[in-house]
Amino acid sequence: YALTTLIWGPRWMAATFFPFILFAFCVPLGNSSIFVTQPLRQLATEITAAVAQGPLGINVIQNGTSIFDPTGKFSYEIAAACSGLRSLTAICAMAIIFAFLWFKPWWKRVVVILAAVPLAIGSNVIRLSSIIVAAEAFGQPAGDFVHDNSMMSLLPYIPAFAGLLLLGLVLDGKLVGIFRCLLTREVDEELAG
């Protein structure tokens, strides 16, 4: 990238910055991903256990990256594959594409790209929590079904992409316009009725 910039100049560099950033997602991490997956596993396990014990009211015990029921009804080890690294990578790529295509100001692009990380982690927690809810309600086989089901594996992407879109609308000021339009429509309907 730097060599081509020397040849074709800064205008070429500015025009091709976005595609070159996307090339970073083509680099395989291999064994170097352990430095990312282990903290992600631990974080996802801690948040999922807190969500299960708090809002969901499910009694679970967390030990490292394991979550299990005290009665032995279910037991799950949050493996490296369940750390959320793949969804983090995909959501970050989508956030970069979304940010560069939708926004011109750099600060808005940075906000959208940085928002991808908590959205990806939160979405992975939703997936892990759904496995625990299924296991609590119907036993370990139901939790395993939710874990192994290909349609349920898409679950982390829906709230993350919705969050990115919502953030984009907020940053664009369009969400305020949508609410204003809905409120004036309701007022107009009440006055007419």
N, C-alpha and C. Protein backbone atom coordinates (compact mmCIF):
# COMPACT_ATOMS: atom_id res chain seq x y z
N TYR A 1 0.84 -1.18 0.00
CA TYR A 1 0.00 0.00 0.00
C TYR A 1 0.88 1.25 0.00
N ALA A 2 1.89 1.22 0.83
CA ALA A 2 2.79 2.38 0.91
C ALA A 2 3.56 2.57 -0.39
N LEU A 3 4.00 1.47 -0.99
CA LEU A 3 4.75 1.59 -2.25
C LEU A 3 3.88 2.12 -3.37
N THR A 4 2.65 1.65 -3.44
CA THR A 4 1.76 2.16 -4.48
C THR A 4 1.42 3.62 -4.25
N THR A 5 1.39 4.03 -2.98
CA THR A 5 1.16 5.44 -2.66
C THR A 5 2.32 6.30 -3.16
N LEU A 6 3.53 5.78 -3.00
CA LEU A 6 4.69 6.51 -3.52
C LEU A 6 4.64 6.66 -5.03
N ILE A 7 4.12 5.65 -5.70
CA ILE A 7 4.05 5.69 -7.16
C ILE A 7 2.91 6.58 -7.64
N TRP A 8 1.70 6.38 -7.09
CA TRP A 8 0.52 7.07 -7.61
C TRP A 8 0.09 8.29 -6.79
N GLY A 9 0.66 8.49 -5.63
CA GLY A 9 0.41 9.73 -4.90
C GLY A 9 -0.66 9.64 -3.84
N PRO A 10 -0.81 10.73 -3.09
CA PRO A 10 -1.74 10.76 -1.96
C PRO A 10 -3.22 10.67 -2.36
N ARG A 11 -3.56 11.16 -3.56
CA ARG A 11 -4.98 11.06 -3.97
C ARG A 11 -5.37 9.60 -4.17
N TRP A 12 -4.44 8.82 -4.73
CA TRP A 12 -4.71 7.39 -4.90
C TRP A 12 -4.83 6.72 -3.53
N MET A 13 -3.96 7.11 -2.59
CA MET A 13 -4.01 6.54 -1.25
C MET A 13 -5.37 6.82 -0.58
N ALA A 14 -5.84 8.03 -0.69
CA ALA A 14 -7.13 8.39 -0.10
C ALA A 14 -8.27 7.63 -0.76
N ALA A 15 -8.18 7.44 -2.07
CA ALA A 15 -9.26 6.76 -2.79
C ALA A 15 -9.30 5.26 -2.51
N THR A 16 -8.15 4.66 -2.18
CA THR A 16 -8.11 3.21 -1.98
C THR A 16 -7.95 2.81 -0.51
N PHE A 17 -8.06 3.75 0.39
CA PHE A 17 -7.89 3.44 1.81
C PHE A 17 -8.92 2.42 2.29
N PHE A 18 -10.17 2.63 1.96
CA PHE A 18 -11.26 1.75 2.39
C PHE A 18 -11.07 0.31 1.90
N PRO A 19 -10.81 0.07 0.62
CA PRO A 19 -10.61 -1.32 0.19
C PRO A 19 -9.40 -1.99 0.86
N PHE A 20 -8.35 -1.23 1.10
CA PHE A 20 -7.19 -1.82 1.75
C PHE A 20 -7.45 -2.16 3.21
N ILE A 21 -8.30 -1.39 3.87
CA ILE A 21 -8.68 -1.73 5.25
C ILE A 21 -9.41 -3.08 5.26
N LEU A 22 -10.25 -3.31 4.25
CA LEU A 22 -10.98 -4.57 4.19
C LEU A 22 -10.07 -5.77 3.96
N PHE A 23 -8.91 -5.55 3.35
CA PHE A 23 -7.96 -6.64 3.16
C PHE A 23 -7.47 -7.21 4.50
N ALA A 24 -7.52 -6.43 5.55
CA ALA A 24 -7.09 -6.91 6.86
C ALA A 24 -7.92 -8.10 7.32
N PHE A 25 -9.17 -8.18 6.88
CA PHE A 25 -10.03 -9.29 7.26
C PHE A 25 -9.71 -10.56 6.49
N CYS A 26 -8.84 -10.47 5.51
CA CYS A 26 -8.43 -11.66 4.75
C CYS A 26 -7.21 -12.34 5.36
N VAL A 27 -6.58 -11.73 6.33
CA VAL A 27 -5.39 -12.29 6.95
C VAL A 27 -5.81 -13.34 7.97
N PRO A 28 -5.39 -14.59 7.79
CA PRO A 28 -5.76 -15.62 8.77
C PRO A 28 -4.99 -15.42 10.07
N LEU A 29 -5.69 -15.57 11.19
CA LEU A 29 -5.05 -15.38 12.48
C LEU A 29 -4.28 -16.62 12.93
N GLY A 30 -4.78 -17.80 12.59
CA GLY A 30 -4.11 -19.04 12.98
C GLY A 30 -3.99 -19.16 14.49
N ASN A 31 -2.82 -19.56 14.95
CA ASN A 31 -2.59 -19.76 16.39
C ASN A 31 -2.47 -18.46 17.16
N SER A 32 -2.28 -17.35 16.46
CA SER A 32 -2.14 -16.07 17.15
C SER A 32 -3.47 -15.58 17.72
N SER A 33 -4.56 -16.23 17.39
CA SER A 33 -5.87 -15.79 17.88
C SER A 33 -6.09 -16.15 19.34
N ILE A 34 -5.25 -16.99 19.93
CA ILE A 34 -5.42 -17.39 21.33
C ILE A 34 -5.35 -16.18 22.26
N PHE A 35 -4.59 -15.16 21.86
CA PHE A 35 -4.47 -13.96 22.70
C PHE A 35 -5.77 -13.16 22.71
N VAL A 36 -6.61 -13.39 21.72
CA VAL A 36 -7.90 -12.70 21.66
C VAL A 36 -9.01 -13.60 22.17
N THR A 37 -8.97 -14.89 21.81
CA THR A 37 -10.07 -15.78 22.16
C THR A 37 -10.17 -16.04 23.66
N GLN A 38 -9.05 -16.17 24.34
CA GLN A 38 -9.13 -16.46 25.78
C GLN A 38 -9.79 -15.32 26.56
N PRO A 39 -9.38 -14.06 26.37
CA PRO A 39 -10.11 -12.99 27.07
C PRO A 39 -11.57 -12.87 26.64
N LEU A 40 -11.86 -13.13 25.36
CA LEU A 40 -13.25 -13.10 24.89
C LEU A 40 -14.06 -14.21 25.55
N ARG A 41 -13.48 -15.40 25.67
CA ARG A 41 -14.16 -16.52 26.32
C ARG A 41 -14.49 -16.16 27.76
N GLN A 42 -13.50 -15.63 28.47
CA GLN A 42 -13.69 -15.29 29.88
C GLN A 42 -14.75 -14.21 30.04
N LEU A 43 -14.67 -13.17 29.21
CA LEU A 43 -15.64 -12.08 29.28
C LEU A 43 -17.06 -12.57 28.96
N ALA A 44 -17.19 -13.36 27.90
CA ALA A 44 -18.50 -13.88 27.53
C ALA A 44 -19.07 -14.77 28.61
N THR A 45 -18.22 -15.58 29.24
CA THR A 45 -18.69 -16.46 30.32
C THR A 45 -19.15 -15.65 31.52
N GLU A 46 -18.38 -14.65 31.92
CA GLU A 46 -18.75 -13.84 33.08
C GLU A 46 -20.05 -13.08 32.85
N ILE A 47 -20.18 -12.48 31.68
CA ILE A 47 -21.40 -11.70 31.40
C ILE A 47 -22.60 -12.63 31.28
N THR A 48 -22.43 -13.78 30.63
CA THR A 48 -23.54 -14.72 30.47
C THR A 48 -23.99 -15.25 31.83
N ALA A 49 -23.05 -15.57 32.69
CA ALA A 49 -23.41 -16.05 34.03
C ALA A 49 -24.14 -14.96 34.81
N ALA A 50 -23.69 -13.72 34.69
CA ALA A 50 -24.36 -12.60 35.37
C ALA A 50 -25.76 -12.39 34.83
N VAL A 51 -25.94 -12.49 33.52
CA VAL A 51 -27.27 -12.34 32.91
C VAL A 51 -28.18 -13.48 33.34
N ALA A 52 -27.64 -14.69 33.35
CA ALA A 52 -28.45 -15.85 33.75
C ALA A 52 -28.89 -15.72 35.21
N GLN A 53 -27.98 -15.32 36.08
CA GLN A 53 -28.32 -15.21 37.50
C GLN A 53 -29.17 -13.98 37.80
N GLY A 54 -28.97 -12.91 37.05
CA GLY A 54 -29.69 -11.67 37.31
C GLY A 54 -31.05 -11.64 36.65
N PRO A 55 -31.13 -11.05 35.45
CA PRO A 55 -32.43 -10.86 34.80
C PRO A 55 -33.17 -12.15 34.47
N LEU A 56 -32.44 -13.23 34.13
CA LEU A 56 -33.11 -14.47 33.75
C LEU A 56 -33.52 -15.31 34.96
N GLY A 57 -32.88 -15.08 36.10
CA GLY A 57 -33.23 -15.82 37.31
C GLY A 57 -32.88 -17.29 37.26
N ILE A 58 -31.86 -17.66 36.51
CA ILE A 58 -31.43 -19.06 36.40
C ILE A 58 -30.21 -19.23 37.29
N ASN A 59 -30.27 -20.20 38.17
CA ASN A 59 -29.16 -20.45 39.07
C ASN A 59 -28.06 -21.21 38.33
N VAL A 60 -26.95 -20.56 38.08
CA VAL A 60 -25.81 -21.18 37.42
C VAL A 60 -24.55 -20.92 38.23
N ILE A 61 -23.57 -21.77 38.01
CA ILE A 61 -22.27 -21.59 38.63
C ILE A 61 -21.26 -21.42 37.51
N GLN A 62 -20.40 -20.41 37.67
CA GLN A 62 -19.35 -20.18 36.68
C GLN A 62 -18.02 -20.58 37.30
N ASN A 63 -17.27 -21.37 36.55
CA ASN A 63 -15.93 -21.76 36.98
C ASN A 63 -15.02 -21.59 35.77
N GLY A 64 -14.26 -20.51 35.74
CA GLY A 64 -13.41 -20.22 34.59
C GLY A 64 -14.27 -19.93 33.38
N THR A 65 -14.16 -20.77 32.36
CA THR A 65 -14.99 -20.60 31.16
C THR A 65 -16.09 -21.66 31.09
N SER A 66 -16.44 -22.22 32.25
CA SER A 66 -17.52 -23.21 32.31
C SER A 66 -18.72 -22.60 33.03
N ILE A 67 -19.89 -22.95 32.53
CA ILE A 67 -21.15 -22.57 33.17
C ILE A 67 -21.95 -23.85 33.36
N PHE A 68 -22.41 -24.10 34.60
CA PHE A 68 -23.18 -25.31 34.82
C PHE A 68 -24.25 -25.06 35.87
N ASP A 69 -25.24 -25.94 35.83
CA ASP A 69 -26.35 -25.90 36.77
C ASP A 69 -25.90 -26.61 38.06
N PRO A 70 -26.22 -26.06 39.23
CA PRO A 70 -25.79 -26.72 40.47
C PRO A 70 -26.37 -28.12 40.65
N THR A 71 -27.54 -28.38 40.05
CA THR A 71 -28.16 -29.71 40.18
C THR A 71 -27.65 -30.69 39.14
N GLY A 72 -26.81 -30.24 38.22
CA GLY A 72 -26.27 -31.12 37.19
C GLY A 72 -27.16 -31.27 35.97
N LYS A 73 -28.15 -30.40 35.84
CA LYS A 73 -29.07 -30.48 34.72
C LYS A 73 -28.37 -30.18 33.39
N PHE A 74 -27.42 -29.25 33.40
CA PHE A 74 -26.65 -28.93 32.20
C PHE A 74 -25.27 -28.43 32.60
N SER A 75 -24.35 -28.53 31.66
CA SER A 75 -22.99 -28.06 31.85
C SER A 75 -22.43 -27.67 30.49
N TYR A 76 -21.86 -26.47 30.42
CA TYR A 76 -21.30 -25.99 29.16
C TYR A 76 -19.92 -25.38 29.38
N GLU A 77 -19.02 -25.73 28.52
CA GLU A 77 -17.69 -25.13 28.47
C GLU A 77 -17.69 -24.16 27.29
N ILE A 78 -17.39 -22.90 27.55
CA ILE A 78 -17.32 -21.91 26.47
C ILE A 78 -15.98 -22.13 25.77
N ALA A 79 -16.02 -22.84 24.67
CA ALA A 79 -14.81 -23.20 23.94
C ALA A 79 -14.30 -22.02 23.12
N ALA A 80 -13.12 -22.18 22.56
CA ALA A 80 -12.54 -21.11 21.73
C ALA A 80 -13.45 -20.78 20.55
N ALA A 81 -14.11 -21.79 20.01
CA ALA A 81 -15.01 -21.56 18.87
C ALA A 81 -16.23 -20.73 19.28
N CYS A 82 -16.58 -20.76 20.57
CA CYS A 82 -17.73 -20.01 21.07
C CYS A 82 -17.32 -18.68 21.71
N SER A 83 -16.09 -18.28 21.54
CA SER A 83 -15.61 -17.05 22.17
C SER A 83 -16.24 -15.81 21.56
N GLY A 84 -16.71 -15.93 20.34
CA GLY A 84 -17.29 -14.79 19.66
C GLY A 84 -16.34 -14.11 18.69
N LEU A 85 -15.17 -14.72 18.46
CA LEU A 85 -14.19 -14.11 17.57
C LEU A 85 -14.69 -14.04 16.13
N ARG A 86 -15.37 -15.08 15.68
CA ARG A 86 -15.90 -15.06 14.31
C ARG A 86 -16.98 -14.00 14.14
N SER A 87 -17.88 -13.93 15.11
CA SER A 87 -18.92 -12.91 15.01
C SER A 87 -18.33 -11.52 15.19
N LEU A 88 -17.31 -11.38 16.03
CA LEU A 88 -16.63 -10.10 16.19
C LEU A 88 -15.99 -9.66 14.88
N THR A 89 -15.35 -10.60 14.20
CA THR A 89 -14.72 -10.29 12.92
C THR A 89 -15.76 -9.89 11.89
N ALA A 90 -16.84 -10.65 11.79
CA ALA A 90 -17.88 -10.35 10.80
C ALA A 90 -18.58 -9.03 11.10
N ILE A 91 -18.87 -8.78 12.37
CA ILE A 91 -19.57 -7.55 12.73
C ILE A 91 -18.65 -6.34 12.55
N CYS A 92 -17.37 -6.50 12.87
CA CYS A 92 -16.42 -5.40 12.64
C CYS A 92 -16.30 -5.10 11.14
N ALA A 93 -16.26 -6.15 10.32
CA ALA A 93 -16.20 -5.93 8.87
C ALA A 93 -17.44 -5.21 8.38
N MET A 94 -18.61 -5.64 8.86
CA MET A 94 -19.85 -4.96 8.47
C MET A 94 -19.89 -3.52 8.97
N ALA A 95 -19.37 -3.30 10.17
CA ALA A 95 -19.35 -1.93 10.72
C ALA A 95 -18.44 -1.04 9.89
N ILE A 96 -17.31 -1.56 9.45
CA ILE A 96 -16.40 -0.77 8.61
C ILE A 96 -17.04 -0.45 7.27
N ILE A 97 -17.65 -1.46 6.67
CA ILE A 97 -18.33 -1.23 5.38
C ILE A 97 -19.45 -0.21 5.55
N PHE A 98 -20.27 -0.40 6.57
CA PHE A 98 -21.38 0.51 6.85
C PHE A 98 -20.88 1.92 7.10
N ALA A 99 -19.85 2.04 7.94
CA ALA A 99 -19.33 3.37 8.31
C ALA A 99 -18.76 4.10 7.11
N PHE A 100 -18.02 3.41 6.26
CA PHE A 100 -17.39 4.07 5.13
C PHE A 100 -18.38 4.38 4.01
N LEU A 101 -19.42 3.58 3.87
CA LEU A 101 -20.39 3.85 2.81
C LEU A 101 -21.47 4.85 3.23
N TRP A 102 -21.79 4.91 4.52
CA TRP A 102 -22.90 5.75 4.98
C TRP A 102 -22.44 7.14 5.41
N PHE A 103 -21.27 7.25 6.03
CA PHE A 103 -20.84 8.51 6.65
C PHE A 103 -19.61 9.10 5.98
N LYS A 104 -19.58 10.41 5.91
CA LYS A 104 -18.39 11.13 5.44
C LYS A 104 -17.52 11.61 6.60
N PRO A 105 -18.11 12.20 7.67
CA PRO A 105 -17.26 12.67 8.78
C PRO A 105 -16.52 11.49 9.45
N TRP A 106 -15.24 11.69 9.71
CA TRP A 106 -14.43 10.63 10.30
C TRP A 106 -14.89 10.25 11.69
N TRP A 107 -15.36 11.21 12.47
CA TRP A 107 -15.74 10.89 13.84
C TRP A 107 -16.95 9.95 13.86
N LYS A 108 -17.85 10.10 12.92
CA LYS A 108 -19.01 9.20 12.85
C LYS A 108 -18.57 7.80 12.45
N ARG A 109 -17.61 7.73 11.52
CA ARG A 109 -17.08 6.42 11.12
C ARG A 109 -16.43 5.72 12.31
N VAL A 110 -15.65 6.46 13.07
CA VAL A 110 -14.96 5.89 14.22
C VAL A 110 -15.96 5.40 15.27
N VAL A 111 -17.01 6.17 15.51
CA VAL A 111 -18.03 5.77 16.49
C VAL A 111 -18.69 4.47 16.07
N VAL A 112 -19.05 4.35 14.81
CA VAL A 112 -19.71 3.13 14.32
C VAL A 112 -18.76 1.94 14.42
N ILE A 113 -17.51 2.12 14.03
CA ILE A 113 -16.55 1.02 14.06
C ILE A 113 -16.28 0.59 15.50
N LEU A 114 -16.13 1.54 16.41
CA LEU A 114 -15.90 1.19 17.81
C LEU A 114 -17.12 0.53 18.45
N ALA A 115 -18.31 0.88 18.00
CA ALA A 115 -19.53 0.29 18.54
C ALA A 115 -19.66 -1.18 18.17
N ALA A 116 -18.93 -1.62 17.16
CA ALA A 116 -19.02 -3.02 16.73
C ALA A 116 -18.54 -3.98 17.81
N VAL A 117 -17.56 -3.57 18.59
CA VAL A 117 -17.01 -4.48 19.61
C VAL A 117 -18.03 -4.79 20.71
N PRO A 118 -18.62 -3.79 21.38
CA PRO A 118 -19.63 -4.15 22.40
C PRO A 118 -20.87 -4.81 21.80
N LEU A 119 -21.23 -4.44 20.58
CA LEU A 119 -22.38 -5.09 19.95
C LEU A 119 -22.10 -6.57 19.68
N ALA A 120 -20.90 -6.89 19.24
CA ALA A 120 -20.53 -8.29 18.99
C ALA A 120 -20.48 -9.09 20.28
N ILE A 121 -19.91 -8.50 21.32
CA ILE A 121 -19.83 -9.19 22.61
C ILE A 121 -21.24 -9.40 23.18
N GLY A 122 -22.06 -8.37 23.12
CA GLY A 122 -23.43 -8.48 23.60
C GLY A 122 -24.23 -9.51 22.82
N SER A 123 -24.02 -9.55 21.52
CA SER A 123 -24.73 -10.53 20.70
C SER A 123 -24.30 -11.95 21.02
N ASN A 124 -23.02 -12.15 21.29
CA ASN A 124 -22.54 -13.48 21.68
C ASN A 124 -23.14 -13.88 23.03
N VAL A 125 -23.27 -12.94 23.93
CA VAL A 125 -23.89 -13.22 25.23
C VAL A 125 -25.36 -13.62 25.04
N ILE A 126 -26.05 -12.98 24.11
CA ILE A 126 -27.44 -13.35 23.81
C ILE A 126 -27.50 -14.80 23.33
N ARG A 127 -26.58 -15.17 22.46
CA ARG A 127 -26.55 -16.56 21.95
C ARG A 127 -26.27 -17.54 23.09
N LEU A 128 -25.27 -17.25 23.90
CA LEU A 128 -24.93 -18.15 25.01
C LEU A 128 -26.08 -18.22 26.02
N SER A 129 -26.73 -17.10 26.26
CA SER A 129 -27.87 -17.08 27.18
C SER A 129 -29.04 -17.89 26.65
N SER A 130 -29.25 -17.85 25.33
CA SER A 130 -30.34 -18.65 24.75
C SER A 130 -30.06 -20.14 24.91
N ILE A 131 -28.80 -20.54 24.85
CA ILE A 131 -28.45 -21.94 25.07
C ILE A 131 -28.76 -22.33 26.51
N ILE A 132 -28.42 -21.45 27.45
CA ILE A 132 -28.68 -21.74 28.86
C ILE A 132 -30.17 -21.77 29.17
N VAL A 133 -30.93 -20.85 28.57
CA VAL A 133 -32.38 -20.84 28.79
C VAL A 133 -33.00 -22.12 28.26
N ALA A 134 -32.59 -22.56 27.08
CA ALA A 134 -33.12 -23.81 26.51
C ALA A 134 -32.75 -25.00 27.40
N ALA A 135 -31.50 -25.03 27.88
CA ALA A 135 -31.06 -26.13 28.73
C ALA A 135 -31.79 -26.12 30.06
N GLU A 136 -32.03 -24.95 30.61
CA GLU A 136 -32.75 -24.84 31.88
C GLU A 136 -34.21 -25.29 31.72
N ALA A 137 -34.82 -24.90 30.62
CA ALA A 137 -36.24 -25.22 30.42
C ALA A 137 -36.47 -26.67 30.02
N PHE A 138 -35.60 -27.20 29.15
CA PHE A 138 -35.87 -28.51 28.56
C PHE A 138 -34.73 -29.52 28.72
N GLY A 139 -33.66 -29.14 29.39
CA GLY A 139 -32.56 -30.07 29.61
C GLY A 139 -31.40 -29.85 28.65
N GLN A 140 -30.31 -30.56 28.93
CA GLN A 140 -29.08 -30.44 28.15
C GLN A 140 -29.29 -30.69 26.65
N PRO A 141 -30.10 -31.68 26.24
CA PRO A 141 -30.28 -31.90 24.79
C PRO A 141 -30.88 -30.68 24.07
N ALA A 142 -31.78 -29.95 24.73
CA ALA A 142 -32.35 -28.76 24.11
C ALA A 142 -31.30 -27.67 23.97
N GLY A 143 -30.47 -27.51 25.00
CA GLY A 143 -29.38 -26.55 24.91
C GLY A 143 -28.40 -26.92 23.82
N ASP A 144 -28.12 -28.22 23.68
CA ASP A 144 -27.23 -28.68 22.62
C ASP A 144 -27.84 -28.42 21.24
N PHE A 145 -29.16 -28.59 21.15
CA PHE A 145 -29.84 -28.32 19.88
C PHE A 145 -29.70 -26.85 19.50
N VAL A 146 -29.91 -25.96 20.46
CA VAL A 146 -29.77 -24.53 20.19
C VAL A 146 -28.33 -24.21 19.80
N HIS A 147 -27.38 -24.86 20.46
CA HIS A 147 -25.96 -24.63 20.17
C HIS A 147 -25.59 -25.10 18.76
N ASP A 148 -26.11 -26.27 18.37
CA ASP A 148 -25.70 -26.87 17.09
C ASP A 148 -26.56 -26.46 15.91
N ASN A 149 -27.70 -25.86 16.15
CA ASN A 149 -28.62 -25.49 15.08
C ASN A 149 -28.03 -24.37 14.23
N SER A 150 -28.02 -24.58 12.92
CA SER A 150 -27.41 -23.59 12.01
C SER A 150 -28.20 -22.28 11.98
N MET A 151 -29.50 -22.34 12.13
CA MET A 151 -30.29 -21.10 12.14
C MET A 151 -30.04 -20.31 13.42
N MET A 152 -29.89 -21.00 14.54
CA MET A 152 -29.62 -20.32 15.81
C MET A 152 -28.21 -19.72 15.84
N SER A 153 -27.32 -20.26 15.01
CA SER A 153 -25.96 -19.69 14.98
C SER A 153 -25.95 -18.31 14.34
N LEU A 154 -27.02 -17.96 13.63
CA LEU A 154 -27.14 -16.62 13.06
C LEU A 154 -27.65 -15.60 14.07
N LEU A 155 -28.10 -16.08 15.23
CA LEU A 155 -28.67 -15.20 16.25
C LEU A 155 -27.77 -14.03 16.65
N PRO A 156 -26.45 -14.22 16.81
CA PRO A 156 -25.63 -13.07 17.23
C PRO A 156 -25.62 -11.91 16.24
N TYR A 157 -25.88 -12.19 14.99
CA TYR A 157 -25.75 -11.14 13.98
C TYR A 157 -26.96 -10.21 13.93
N ILE A 158 -28.13 -10.70 14.28
CA ILE A 158 -29.35 -9.90 14.16
C ILE A 158 -29.32 -8.68 15.09
N PRO A 159 -29.10 -8.85 16.41
CA PRO A 159 -29.07 -7.64 17.26
C PRO A 159 -27.89 -6.72 16.96
N ALA A 160 -26.77 -7.31 16.55
CA ALA A 160 -25.60 -6.47 16.24
C ALA A 160 -25.85 -5.61 15.01
N PHE A 161 -26.39 -6.19 13.96
CA PHE A 161 -26.67 -5.41 12.75
C PHE A 161 -27.79 -4.41 13.01
N ALA A 162 -28.78 -4.80 13.80
CA ALA A 162 -29.84 -3.85 14.15
C ALA A 162 -29.27 -2.70 14.97
N GLY A 163 -28.35 -3.01 15.87
CA GLY A 163 -27.70 -1.96 16.65
C GLY A 163 -26.88 -1.02 15.79
N LEU A 164 -26.16 -1.57 14.80
CA LEU A 164 -25.40 -0.72 13.88
C LEU A 164 -26.32 0.19 13.08
N LEU A 165 -27.42 -0.37 12.60
CA LEU A 165 -28.37 0.43 11.83
C LEU A 165 -29.00 1.52 12.70
N LEU A 166 -29.37 1.16 13.92
CA LEU A 166 -29.95 2.14 14.84
C LEU A 166 -28.95 3.25 15.16
N LEU A 167 -27.70 2.87 15.40
CA LEU A 167 -26.67 3.87 15.66
C LEU A 167 -26.46 4.77 14.45
N GLY A 168 -26.51 4.18 13.25
CA GLY A 168 -26.40 4.98 12.04
C GLY A 168 -27.52 5.98 11.91
N LEU A 169 -28.73 5.57 12.23
CA LEU A 169 -29.87 6.49 12.17
C LEU A 169 -29.74 7.60 13.20
N VAL A 170 -29.24 7.26 14.39
CA VAL A 170 -29.06 8.27 15.43
C VAL A 170 -27.99 9.27 15.00
N LEU A 171 -26.86 8.77 14.51
CA LEU A 171 -25.77 9.66 14.09
C LEU A 171 -26.17 10.52 12.90
N ASP A 172 -27.03 10.00 12.07
CA ASP A 172 -27.50 10.75 10.90
C ASP A 172 -28.61 11.74 11.24
N GLY A 173 -29.19 11.60 12.43
CA GLY A 173 -30.28 12.47 12.83
C GLY A 173 -31.62 12.04 12.25
N LYS A 174 -31.65 10.91 11.58
CA LYS A 174 -32.89 10.44 10.96
C LYS A 174 -33.83 9.82 11.97
N LEU A 175 -33.30 9.28 13.06
CA LEU A 175 -34.15 8.68 14.07
C LEU A 175 -35.03 9.73 14.74
N VAL A 176 -34.46 10.90 14.98
CA VAL A 176 -35.23 12.00 15.55
C VAL A 176 -36.35 12.39 14.60
N GLY A 177 -36.04 12.44 13.31
CA GLY A 177 -37.05 12.77 12.30
C GLY A 177 -38.16 11.74 12.24
N ILE A 178 -37.80 10.46 12.38
CA ILE A 178 -38.81 9.39 12.36
C ILE A 178 -39.74 9.53 13.56
N PHE A 179 -39.17 9.75 14.75
CA PHE A 179 -40.01 9.93 15.94
C PHE A 179 -40.87 11.17 15.83
N ARG A 180 -40.30 12.24 15.30
CA ARG A 180 -41.06 13.48 15.15
C ARG A 180 -42.24 13.25 14.19
N CYS A 181 -41.99 12.53 13.11
CA CYS A 181 -43.05 12.24 12.14
C CYS A 181 -44.14 11.38 12.78
N LEU A 182 -43.73 10.36 13.55
CA LEU A 182 -44.72 9.51 14.21
C LEU A 182 -45.53 10.29 15.23
N LEU A 183 -44.88 11.16 15.98
CA LEU A 183 -45.59 11.94 16.99
C LEU A 183 -46.56 12.92 16.35
N THR A 184 -46.16 13.59 15.28
CA THR A 184 -47.08 14.53 14.63
C THR A 184 -48.24 13.79 13.98
N ARG A 185 -47.99 12.58 13.47
CA ARG A 185 -49.07 11.79 12.88
C ARG A 185 -50.08 11.41 13.95
N GLU A 186 -49.61 11.00 15.16
CA GLU A 186 -50.52 10.66 16.23
C GLU A 186 -51.32 11.88 16.69
N VAL A 187 -50.67 13.02 16.78
CA VAL A 187 -51.36 14.26 17.18
C VAL A 187 -52.41 14.63 16.14
N ASP A 188 -52.05 14.52 14.86
CA ASP A 188 -52.99 14.82 13.79
C ASP A 188 -54.20 13.89 13.82
N GLU A 189 -53.95 12.59 14.10
CA GLU A 189 -55.04 11.64 14.18
C GLU A 189 -55.95 11.93 15.36
N GLU A 190 -55.38 12.34 16.49
CA GLU A 190 -56.20 12.67 17.65
C GLU A 190 -57.03 13.91 17.40
N LEU A 191 -56.43 14.91 16.73
CA LEU A 191 -57.18 16.13 16.43
C LEU A 191 -58.29 15.87 15.43
N ALA A 192 -58.03 14.97 14.48
CA ALA A 192 -59.04 14.66 13.46
C ALA A 192 -60.16 13.79 14.06
N GLY A 193 -59.83 12.97 15.03
CA GLY A 193 -60.81 12.02 15.58
C GLY A 193 -61.55 12.57 16.71
